[in-house]
Amino acid sequence: MRLCIIAVFCSALLTMAQDKTSFPDLARLKEMSARFAPTPLHVDQSGLSAGDRAALAKLIEAGQVVDHLFMQQIWSRNLQLYQSLQSDKSPLGLERLHYF
């Protein structure tokens, strides 16, 4: 999943690099995002013990740490860019964050 996101991001950067005069507008970003189908993940935890549920929560926390490490390995300013995108609450900013 992370590899797919990075590939999409790199593809967008290459697209923007080819057209150095402009960045994608809101409509273009929505069009680019529409290529990807959201995939909700549902987990039935009813068969898990309390210890297993606690372990699952810890695995999710560890995954978030690894996600940040992976973003830093791809490009040292990825986390800075991500935080910048999170602070922009305009419709265009929110769409950029969604695409990221």
PDB file of N, CA and C in Angstrom:
ATOM      1  N   MET A   1       0.827  -1.185   0.000  1.00  0.00           N
ATOM      2  CA  MET A   1       0.000   0.000   0.000  1.00  0.00           C
ATOM      3  C   MET A   1       0.873   1.250   0.000  1.00  0.00           C
ATOM      4  N   ARG A   2       1.874   1.272   0.897  1.00  0.00           N
ATOM      5  CA  ARG A   2       2.753   2.437   0.962  1.00  0.00           C
ATOM      6  C   ARG A   2       3.502   2.619  -0.352  1.00  0.00           C
ATOM      7  N   LEU A   3       3.928   1.495  -0.931  1.00  0.00           N
ATOM      8  CA  LEU A   3       4.655   1.549  -2.188  1.00  0.00           C
ATOM      9  C   LEU A   3       3.776   2.129  -3.284  1.00  0.00           C
ATOM     10  N   CYS A   4       2.511   1.777  -3.276  1.00  0.00           N
ATOM     11  CA  CYS A   4       1.562   2.305  -4.250  1.00  0.00           C
ATOM     12  C   CYS A   4       1.408   3.814  -4.079  1.00  0.00           C
ATOM     13  N   ILE A   5       1.311   4.268  -2.833  1.00  0.00           N
ATOM     14  CA  ILE A   5       1.164   5.696  -2.562  1.00  0.00           C
ATOM     15  C   ILE A   5       2.397   6.453  -3.039  1.00  0.00           C
ATOM     16  N   ILE A   6       3.568   5.903  -2.763  1.00  0.00           N
ATOM     17  CA  ILE A   6       4.810   6.556  -3.184  1.00  0.00           C
ATOM     18  C   ILE A   6       4.894   6.586  -4.708  1.00  0.00           C
ATOM     19  N   ALA A   7       4.492   5.504  -5.353  1.00  0.00           N
ATOM     20  CA  ALA A   7       4.514   5.461  -6.813  1.00  0.00           C
ATOM     21  C   ALA A   7       3.588   6.517  -7.397  1.00  0.00           C
ATOM     22  N   VAL A   8       2.421   6.668  -6.801  1.00  0.00           N
ATOM     23  CA  VAL A   8       1.467   7.673  -7.273  1.00  0.00           C
ATOM     24  C   VAL A   8       2.056   9.068  -7.083  1.00  0.00           C
ATOM     25  N   PHE A   9       2.648   9.293  -5.926  1.00  0.00           N
ATOM     26  CA  PHE A   9       3.250  10.587  -5.642  1.00  0.00           C
ATOM     27  C   PHE A   9       4.361  10.891  -6.638  1.00  0.00           C
ATOM     28  N   CYS A  10       5.205   9.922  -6.906  1.00  0.00           N
ATOM     29  CA  CYS A  10       6.295  10.115  -7.867  1.00  0.00           C
ATOM     30  C   CYS A  10       5.748  10.374  -9.266  1.00  0.00           C
ATOM     31  N   SER A  11       4.692   9.670  -9.613  1.00  0.00           N
ATOM     32  CA  SER A  11       4.052   9.878 -10.907  1.00  0.00           C
ATOM     33  C   SER A  11       3.532  11.307 -11.020  1.00  0.00           C
ATOM     34  N   ALA A  12       2.924  11.793  -9.951  1.00  0.00           N
ATOM     35  CA  ALA A  12       2.418  13.168  -9.953  1.00  0.00           C
ATOM     36  C   ALA A  12       3.569  14.160 -10.090  1.00  0.00           C
ATOM     37  N   LEU A  13       4.679  13.885  -9.397  1.00  0.00           N
ATOM     38  CA  LEU A  13       5.835  14.775  -9.501  1.00  0.00           C
ATOM     39  C   LEU A  13       6.394  14.793 -10.918  1.00  0.00           C
ATOM     40  N   LEU A  14       6.450  13.623 -11.551  1.00  0.00           N
ATOM     41  CA  LEU A  14       6.941  13.567 -12.926  1.00  0.00           C
ATOM     42  C   LEU A  14       6.006  14.322 -13.863  1.00  0.00           C
ATOM     43  N   THR A  15       4.705  14.186 -13.639  1.00  0.00           N
ATOM     44  CA  THR A  15       3.732  14.896 -14.455  1.00  0.00           C
ATOM     45  C   THR A  15       3.918  16.400 -14.303  1.00  0.00           C
ATOM     46  N   MET A  16       4.096  16.838 -13.058  1.00  0.00           N
ATOM     47  CA  MET A  16       4.287  18.264 -12.817  1.00  0.00           C
ATOM     48  C   MET A  16       5.628  18.744 -13.374  1.00  0.00           C
ATOM     49  N   ALA A  17       6.648  17.893 -13.334  1.00  0.00           N
ATOM     50  CA  ALA A  17       7.961  18.282 -13.846  1.00  0.00           C
ATOM     51  C   ALA A  17       7.929  18.497 -15.353  1.00  0.00           C
ATOM     52  N   GLN A  18       7.094  17.741 -16.041  1.00  0.00           N
ATOM     53  CA  GLN A  18       6.983  17.892 -17.483  1.00  0.00           C
ATOM     54  C   GLN A  18       6.314  19.214 -17.846  1.00  0.00           C
ATOM     55  N   ASP A  19       5.382  19.660 -17.015  1.00  0.00           N
ATOM     56  CA  ASP A  19       4.700  20.925 -17.232  1.00  0.00           C
ATOM     57  C   ASP A  19       5.141  21.879 -16.125  1.00  0.00           C
ATOM     58  N   LYS A  20       6.269  22.555 -16.329  1.00  0.00           N
ATOM     59  CA  LYS A  20       6.880  23.365 -15.287  1.00  0.00           C
ATOM     60  C   LYS A  20       6.116  24.655 -15.017  1.00  0.00           C
ATOM     61  N   THR A  21       5.132  24.969 -15.817  1.00  0.00           N
ATOM     62  CA  THR A  21       4.453  26.250 -15.662  1.00  0.00           C
ATOM     63  C   THR A  21       3.286  26.191 -14.691  1.00  0.00           C
ATOM     64  N   SER A  22       2.774  24.993 -14.367  1.00  0.00           N
ATOM     65  CA  SER A  22       1.592  24.962 -13.504  1.00  0.00           C
ATOM     66  C   SER A  22       1.548  23.701 -12.662  1.00  0.00           C
ATOM     67  N   PHE A  23       0.794  23.816 -11.559  1.00  0.00           N
ATOM     68  CA  PHE A  23       0.510  22.683 -10.706  1.00  0.00           C
ATOM     69  C   PHE A  23      -0.937  22.271 -10.952  1.00  0.00           C
ATOM     70  N   PRO A  24      -1.297  21.039 -10.628  1.00  0.00           N
ATOM     71  CA  PRO A  24      -2.677  20.609 -10.860  1.00  0.00           C
ATOM     72  C   PRO A  24      -3.658  21.459 -10.045  1.00  0.00           C
ATOM     73  N   ASP A  25      -4.746  21.829 -10.685  1.00  0.00           N
ATOM     74  CA  ASP A  25      -5.788  22.562  -9.973  1.00  0.00           C
ATOM     75  C   ASP A  25      -6.712  21.556  -9.284  1.00  0.00           C
ATOM     76  N   LEU A  26      -7.739  22.064  -8.613  1.00  0.00           N
ATOM     77  CA  LEU A  26      -8.635  21.210  -7.833  1.00  0.00           C
ATOM     78  C   LEU A  26      -9.285  20.135  -8.698  1.00  0.00           C
ATOM     79  N   ALA A  27      -9.778  20.519  -9.861  1.00  0.00           N
ATOM     80  CA  ALA A  27     -10.444  19.549 -10.749  1.00  0.00           C
ATOM     81  C   ALA A  27      -9.475  18.457 -11.202  1.00  0.00           C
ATOM     82  N   ARG A  28      -8.265  18.855 -11.555  1.00  0.00           N
ATOM     83  CA  ARG A  28      -7.271  17.876 -12.013  1.00  0.00           C
ATOM     84  C   ARG A  28      -6.868  16.938 -10.875  1.00  0.00           C
ATOM     85  N   LEU A  29      -6.707  17.488  -9.662  1.00  0.00           N
ATOM     86  CA  LEU A  29      -6.372  16.633  -8.521  1.00  0.00           C
ATOM     87  C   LEU A  29      -7.475  15.616  -8.249  1.00  0.00           C
ATOM     88  N   LYS A  30      -8.734  16.060  -8.338  1.00  0.00           N
ATOM     89  CA  LYS A  30      -9.851  15.130  -8.128  1.00  0.00           C
ATOM     90  C   LYS A  30      -9.851  14.044  -9.196  1.00  0.00           C
ATOM     91  N   GLU A  31      -9.540  14.425 -10.407  1.00  0.00           N
ATOM     92  CA  GLU A  31      -9.454  13.457 -11.509  1.00  0.00           C
ATOM     93  C   GLU A  31      -8.334  12.454 -11.255  1.00  0.00           C
ATOM     94  N   MET A  32      -7.198  12.944 -10.781  1.00  0.00           N
ATOM     95  CA  MET A  32      -6.065  12.068 -10.492  1.00  0.00           C
ATOM     96  C   MET A  32      -6.391  11.127  -9.331  1.00  0.00           C
ATOM     97  N   SER A  33      -7.061  11.628  -8.309  1.00  0.00           N
ATOM     98  CA  SER A  33      -7.421  10.810  -7.143  1.00  0.00           C
ATOM     99  C   SER A  33      -8.474   9.760  -7.491  1.00  0.00           C
ATOM    100  N   ALA A  34      -9.336  10.082  -8.440  1.00  0.00           N
ATOM    101  CA  ALA A  34     -10.431   9.177  -8.806  1.00  0.00           C
ATOM    102  C   ALA A  34      -9.929   7.869  -9.414  1.00  0.00           C
ATOM    103  N   ARG A  35      -8.679   7.830  -9.810  1.00  0.00           N
ATOM    104  CA  ARG A  35      -8.122   6.595 -10.384  1.00  0.00           C
ATOM    105  C   ARG A  35      -7.966   5.496  -9.348  1.00  0.00           C
ATOM    106  N   PHE A  36      -8.027   5.859  -8.074  1.00  0.00           N
ATOM    107  CA  PHE A  36      -7.770   4.909  -7.009  1.00  0.00           C
ATOM    108  C   PHE A  36      -9.035   4.665  -6.201  1.00  0.00           C
ATOM    109  N   ALA A  37      -9.349   3.405  -5.973  1.00  0.00           N
ATOM    110  CA  ALA A  37     -10.553   3.048  -5.218  1.00  0.00           C
ATOM    111  C   ALA A  37     -10.201   2.924  -3.736  1.00  0.00           C
ATOM    112  N   PRO A  38     -10.975   3.579  -2.865  1.00  0.00           N
ATOM    113  CA  PRO A  38     -10.738   3.392  -1.430  1.00  0.00           C
ATOM    114  C   PRO A  38     -11.021   1.945  -1.031  1.00  0.00           C
ATOM    115  N   THR A  39     -10.240   1.445  -0.110  1.00  0.00           N
ATOM    116  CA  THR A  39     -10.401   0.067   0.333  1.00  0.00           C
ATOM    117  C   THR A  39     -10.522   0.037   1.849  1.00  0.00           C
ATOM    118  N   PRO A  40     -11.760   0.043   2.341  1.00  0.00           N
ATOM    119  CA  PRO A  40     -11.925  -0.017   3.798  1.00  0.00           C
ATOM    120  C   PRO A  40     -11.523  -1.389   4.326  1.00  0.00           C
ATOM    121  N   LEU A  41     -10.920  -1.382   5.488  1.00  0.00           N
ATOM    122  CA  LEU A  41     -10.517  -2.630   6.123  1.00  0.00           C
ATOM    123  C   LEU A  41     -11.363  -2.835   7.375  1.00  0.00           C
ATOM    124  N   HIS A  42     -12.051  -3.942   7.428  1.00  0.00           N
ATOM    125  CA  HIS A  42     -12.874  -4.271   8.587  1.00  0.00           C
ATOM    126  C   HIS A  42     -12.284  -5.518   9.239  1.00  0.00           C
ATOM    127  N   VAL A  43     -12.141  -5.454  10.559  1.00  0.00           N
ATOM    128  CA  VAL A  43     -11.541  -6.555  11.291  1.00  0.00           C
ATOM    129  C   VAL A  43     -12.536  -7.063  12.329  1.00  0.00           C
ATOM    130  N   ASP A  44     -12.802  -8.342  12.288  1.00  0.00           N
ATOM    131  CA  ASP A  44     -13.664  -8.959  13.290  1.00  0.00           C
ATOM    132  C   ASP A  44     -12.788  -9.361  14.466  1.00  0.00           C
ATOM    133  N   GLN A  45     -12.907  -8.618  15.559  1.00  0.00           N
ATOM    134  CA  GLN A  45     -12.085  -8.874  16.729  1.00  0.00           C
ATOM    135  C   GLN A  45     -12.797  -9.741  17.761  1.00  0.00           C
ATOM    136  N   SER A  46     -13.980 -10.214  17.418  1.00  0.00           N
ATOM    137  CA  SER A  46     -14.767 -10.963  18.406  1.00  0.00           C
ATOM    138  C   SER A  46     -14.077 -12.255  18.854  1.00  0.00           C
ATOM    139  N   GLY A  47     -13.274 -12.843  18.003  1.00  0.00           N
ATOM    140  CA  GLY A  47     -12.604 -14.088  18.361  1.00  0.00           C
ATOM    141  C   GLY A  47     -11.255 -13.891  19.039  1.00  0.00           C
ATOM    142  N   LEU A  48     -10.872 -12.641  19.247  1.00  0.00           N
ATOM    143  CA  LEU A  48      -9.564 -12.369  19.847  1.00  0.00           C
ATOM    144  C   LEU A  48      -9.665 -12.236  21.362  1.00  0.00           C
ATOM    145  N   SER A  49      -8.648 -12.684  22.029  1.00  0.00           N
ATOM    146  CA  SER A  49      -8.579 -12.503  23.483  1.00  0.00           C
ATOM    147  C   SER A  49      -8.203 -11.050  23.770  1.00  0.00           C
ATOM    148  N   ALA A  50      -8.304 -10.645  25.019  1.00  0.00           N
ATOM    149  CA  ALA A  50      -7.936  -9.281  25.404  1.00  0.00           C
ATOM    150  C   ALA A  50      -6.462  -9.013  25.087  1.00  0.00           C
ATOM    151  N   GLY A  51      -5.625 -10.007  25.326  1.00  0.00           N
ATOM    152  CA  GLY A  51      -4.206  -9.868  25.029  1.00  0.00           C
ATOM    153  C   GLY A  51      -3.937  -9.711  23.541  1.00  0.00           C
ATOM    154  N   ASP A  52      -4.681 -10.478  22.727  1.00  0.00           N
ATOM    155  CA  ASP A  52      -4.529 -10.370  21.278  1.00  0.00           C
ATOM    156  C   ASP A  52      -4.983  -9.000  20.780  1.00  0.00           C
ATOM    157  N   ARG A  53      -6.068  -8.473  21.344  1.00  0.00           N
ATOM    158  CA  ARG A  53      -6.543  -7.140  20.955  1.00  0.00           C
ATOM    159  C   ARG A  53      -5.507  -6.083  21.333  1.00  0.00           C
ATOM    160  N   ALA A  54      -4.895  -6.225  22.504  1.00  0.00           N
ATOM    161  CA  ALA A  54      -3.850  -5.290  22.921  1.00  0.00           C
ATOM    162  C   ALA A  54      -2.635  -5.387  21.990  1.00  0.00           C
ATOM    163  N   ALA A  55      -2.288  -6.606  21.599  1.00  0.00           N
ATOM    164  CA  ALA A  55      -1.160  -6.802  20.686  1.00  0.00           C
ATOM    165  C   ALA A  55      -1.469  -6.189  19.322  1.00  0.00           C
ATOM    166  N   LEU A  56      -2.711  -6.322  18.862  1.00  0.00           N
ATOM    167  CA  LEU A  56      -3.114  -5.741  17.588  1.00  0.00           C
ATOM    168  C   LEU A  56      -2.976  -4.220  17.628  1.00  0.00           C
ATOM    169  N   ALA A  57      -3.381  -3.601  18.726  1.00  0.00           N
ATOM    170  CA  ALA A  57      -3.247  -2.148  18.879  1.00  0.00           C
ATOM    171  C   ALA A  57      -1.776  -1.738  18.816  1.00  0.00           C
ATOM    172  N   LYS A  58      -0.906  -2.523  19.453  1.00  0.00           N
ATOM    173  CA  LYS A  58       0.535  -2.228  19.431  1.00  0.00           C
ATOM    174  C   LYS A  58       1.112  -2.398  18.020  1.00  0.00           C
ATOM    175  N   LEU A  59       0.623  -3.381  17.277  1.00  0.00           N
ATOM    176  CA  LEU A  59       1.081  -3.569  15.901  1.00  0.00           C
ATOM    177  C   LEU A  59       0.686  -2.377  15.027  1.00  0.00           C
ATOM    178  N   ILE A  60      -0.498  -1.851  15.250  1.00  0.00           N
ATOM    179  CA  ILE A  60      -0.941  -0.679  14.493  1.00  0.00           C
ATOM    180  C   ILE A  60      -0.065   0.520  14.837  1.00  0.00           C
ATOM    181  N   GLU A  61       0.244   0.708  16.111  1.00  0.00           N
ATOM    182  CA  GLU A  61       1.139   1.795  16.523  1.00  0.00           C
ATOM    183  C   GLU A  61       2.512   1.633  15.866  1.00  0.00           C
ATOM    184  N   ALA A  62       3.023   0.424  15.855  1.00  0.00           N
ATOM    185  CA  ALA A  62       4.330   0.170  15.238  1.00  0.00           C
ATOM    186  C   ALA A  62       4.279   0.460  13.741  1.00  0.00           C
ATOM    187  N   GLY A  63       3.167   0.123  13.105  1.00  0.00           N
ATOM    188  CA  GLY A  63       3.003   0.405  11.684  1.00  0.00           C
ATOM    189  C   GLY A  63       3.046   1.895  11.389  1.00  0.00           C
ATOM    190  N   GLN A  64       2.483   2.700  12.281  1.00  0.00           N
ATOM    191  CA  GLN A  64       2.517   4.152  12.089  1.00  0.00           C
ATOM    192  C   GLN A  64       3.945   4.688  12.200  1.00  0.00           C
ATOM    193  N   VAL A  65       4.724   4.129  13.119  1.00  0.00           N
ATOM    194  CA  VAL A  65       6.123   4.538  13.248  1.00  0.00           C
ATOM    195  C   VAL A  65       6.889   4.153  11.984  1.00  0.00           C
ATOM    196  N   VAL A  66       6.685   2.941  11.510  1.00  0.00           N
ATOM    197  CA  VAL A  66       7.367   2.474  10.302  1.00  0.00           C
ATOM    198  C   VAL A  66       6.945   3.316   9.098  1.00  0.00           C
ATOM    199  N   ASP A  67       5.683   3.719   9.047  1.00  0.00           N
ATOM    200  CA  ASP A  67       5.191   4.558   7.960  1.00  0.00           C
ATOM    201  C   ASP A  67       5.963   5.875   7.906  1.00  0.00           C
ATOM    202  N   HIS A  68       6.171   6.500   9.068  1.00  0.00           N
ATOM    203  CA  HIS A  68       6.934   7.752   9.109  1.00  0.00           C
ATOM    204  C   HIS A  68       8.397   7.521   8.707  1.00  0.00           C
ATOM    205  N   LEU A  69       8.975   6.419   9.164  1.00  0.00           N
ATOM    206  CA  LEU A  69      10.353   6.111   8.780  1.00  0.00           C
ATOM    207  C   LEU A  69      10.469   5.903   7.276  1.00  0.00           C
ATOM    208  N   PHE A  70       9.482   5.211   6.708  1.00  0.00           N
ATOM    209  CA  PHE A  70       9.484   4.954   5.271  1.00  0.00           C
ATOM    210  C   PHE A  70       9.378   6.266   4.496  1.00  0.00           C
ATOM    211  N   MET A  71       8.509   7.171   4.954  1.00  0.00           N
ATOM    212  CA  MET A  71       8.375   8.460   4.267  1.00  0.00           C
ATOM    213  C   MET A  71       9.696   9.227   4.299  1.00  0.00           C
ATOM    214  N   GLN A  72      10.408   9.162   5.418  1.00  0.00           N
ATOM    215  CA  GLN A  72      11.701   9.842   5.528  1.00  0.00           C
ATOM    216  C   GLN A  72      12.752   9.202   4.624  1.00  0.00           C
ATOM    217  N   GLN A  73      12.694   7.896   4.467  1.00  0.00           N
ATOM    218  CA  GLN A  73      13.671   7.211   3.620  1.00  0.00           C
ATOM    219  C   GLN A  73      13.475   7.563   2.153  1.00  0.00           C
ATOM    220  N   ILE A  74      12.238   7.767   1.748  1.00  0.00           N
ATOM    221  CA  ILE A  74      11.960   8.100   0.348  1.00  0.00           C
ATOM    222  C   ILE A  74      12.485   9.488   0.015  1.00  0.00           C
ATOM    223  N   TRP A  75      12.194  10.457   0.892  1.00  0.00           N
ATOM    224  CA  TRP A  75      12.658  11.831   0.696  1.00  0.00           C
ATOM    225  C   TRP A  75      12.720  12.483   2.062  1.00  0.00           C
ATOM    226  N   SER A  76      13.822  13.083   2.398  1.00  0.00           N
ATOM    227  CA  SER A  76      14.027  13.614   3.748  1.00  0.00           C
ATOM    228  C   SER A  76      13.022  14.697   4.135  1.00  0.00           C
ATOM    229  N   ARG A  77      12.370  15.336   3.176  1.00  0.00           N
ATOM    230  CA  ARG A  77      11.416  16.395   3.494  1.00  0.00           C
ATOM    231  C   ARG A  77       9.962  15.938   3.370  1.00  0.00           C
ATOM    232  N   ASN A  78       9.737  14.639   3.217  1.00  0.00           N
ATOM    233  CA  ASN A  78       8.366  14.134   3.094  1.00  0.00           C
ATOM    234  C   ASN A  78       7.504  14.472   4.307  1.00  0.00           C
ATOM    235  N   LEU A  79       8.030  14.292   5.516  1.00  0.00           N
ATOM    236  CA  LEU A  79       7.237  14.586   6.713  1.00  0.00           C
ATOM    237  C   LEU A  79       6.930  16.072   6.810  1.00  0.00           C
ATOM    238  N   GLN A  80       7.886  16.902   6.441  1.00  0.00           N
ATOM    239  CA  GLN A  80       7.667  18.348   6.436  1.00  0.00           C
ATOM    240  C   GLN A  80       6.568  18.701   5.420  1.00  0.00           C
ATOM    241  N   LEU A  81       6.622  18.104   4.256  1.00  0.00           N
ATOM    242  CA  LEU A  81       5.598  18.337   3.240  1.00  0.00           C
ATOM    243  C   LEU A  81       4.233  17.862   3.734  1.00  0.00           C
ATOM    244  N   TYR A  82       4.198  16.689   4.355  1.00  0.00           N
ATOM    245  CA  TYR A  82       2.947  16.133   4.876  1.00  0.00           C
ATOM    246  C   TYR A  82       2.340  17.063   5.929  1.00  0.00           C
ATOM    247  N   GLN A  83       3.160  17.568   6.835  1.00  0.00           N
ATOM    248  CA  GLN A  83       2.661  18.492   7.862  1.00  0.00           C
ATOM    249  C   GLN A  83       2.175  19.793   7.236  1.00  0.00           C
ATOM    250  N   SER A  84       2.854  20.252   6.229  1.00  0.00           N
ATOM    251  CA  SER A  84       2.440  21.461   5.521  1.00  0.00           C
ATOM    252  C   SER A  84       1.087  21.248   4.848  1.00  0.00           C
ATOM    253  N   LEU A  85       0.915  20.095   4.229  1.00  0.00           N
ATOM    254  CA  LEU A  85      -0.354  19.786   3.574  1.00  0.00           C
ATOM    255  C   LEU A  85      -1.486  19.681   4.593  1.00  0.00           C
ATOM    256  N   GLN A  86      -1.197  19.158   5.782  1.00  0.00           N
ATOM    257  CA  GLN A  86      -2.213  19.027   6.816  1.00  0.00           C
ATOM    258  C   GLN A  86      -2.684  20.382   7.337  1.00  0.00           C
ATOM    259  N   SER A  87      -1.848  21.391   7.257  1.00  0.00           N
ATOM    260  CA  SER A  87      -2.218  22.700   7.795  1.00  0.00           C
ATOM    261  C   SER A  87      -3.048  23.526   6.814  1.00  0.00           C
ATOM    262  N   ASP A  88      -3.063  23.163   5.547  1.00  0.00           N
ATOM    263  CA  ASP A  88      -3.821  23.902   4.534  1.00  0.00           C
ATOM    264  C   ASP A  88      -5.254  23.374   4.499  1.00  0.00           C
ATOM    265  N   LYS A  89      -6.196  24.164   4.990  1.00  0.00           N
ATOM    266  CA  LYS A  89      -7.599  23.727   5.086  1.00  0.00           C
ATOM    267  C   LYS A  89      -8.458  24.199   3.911  1.00  0.00           C
ATOM    268  N   SER A  90      -7.841  24.790   2.896  1.00  0.00           N
ATOM    269  CA  SER A  90      -8.602  25.205   1.711  1.00  0.00           C
ATOM    270  C   SER A  90      -9.041  23.966   0.935  1.00  0.00           C
ATOM    271  N   PRO A  91     -10.048  24.076   0.071  1.00  0.00           N
ATOM    272  CA  PRO A  91     -10.450  22.910  -0.726  1.00  0.00           C
ATOM    273  C   PRO A  91      -9.289  22.334  -1.550  1.00  0.00           C
ATOM    274  N   LEU A  92      -8.483  23.219  -2.130  1.00  0.00           N
ATOM    275  CA  LEU A  92      -7.332  22.740  -2.901  1.00  0.00           C
ATOM    276  C   LEU A  92      -6.318  22.060  -1.987  1.00  0.00           C
ATOM    277  N   GLY A  93      -6.077  22.635  -0.810  1.00  0.00           N
ATOM    278  CA  GLY A  93      -5.146  22.047   0.147  1.00  0.00           C
ATOM    279  C   GLY A  93      -5.606  20.691   0.633  1.00  0.00           C
ATOM    280  N   LEU A  94      -6.905  20.564   0.906  1.00  0.00           N
ATOM    281  CA  LEU A  94      -7.446  19.280   1.360  1.00  0.00           C
ATOM    282  C   LEU A  94      -7.335  18.220   0.263  1.00  0.00           C
ATOM    283  N   GLU A  95      -7.532  18.624  -0.975  1.00  0.00           N
ATOM    284  CA  GLU A  95      -7.414  17.668  -2.085  1.00  0.00           C
ATOM    285  C   GLU A  95      -5.957  17.271  -2.295  1.00  0.00           C
ATOM    286  N   ARG A  96      -5.046  18.212  -2.110  1.00  0.00           N
ATOM    287  CA  ARG A  96      -3.621  17.875  -2.204  1.00  0.00           C
ATOM    288  C   ARG A  96      -3.247  16.862  -1.112  1.00  0.00           C
ATOM    289  N   LEU A  97      -3.737  17.086   0.094  1.00  0.00           N
ATOM    290  CA  LEU A  97      -3.468  16.144   1.192  1.00  0.00           C
ATOM    291  C   LEU A  97      -4.062  14.781   0.870  1.00  0.00           C
ATOM    292  N   HIS A  98      -5.274  14.763   0.359  1.00  0.00           N
ATOM    293  CA  HIS A  98      -5.914  13.492  -0.005  1.00  0.00           C
ATOM    294  C   HIS A  98      -5.088  12.756  -1.053  1.00  0.00           C
ATOM    295  N   TYR A  99      -4.609  13.461  -2.038  1.00  0.00           N
ATOM    296  CA  TYR A  99      -3.819  12.822  -3.094  1.00  0.00           C
ATOM    297  C   TYR A  99      -2.478  12.347  -2.557  1.00  0.00           C
ATOM    298  N   PHE A 100      -1.882  13.112  -1.653  1.00  0.00           N
ATOM    299  CA  PHE A 100      -0.600  12.720  -1.058  1.00  0.00           C
ATOM    300  C   PHE A 100      -0.737  11.401  -0.339  1.00  0.00           C
TER     301      PHE A 100
END
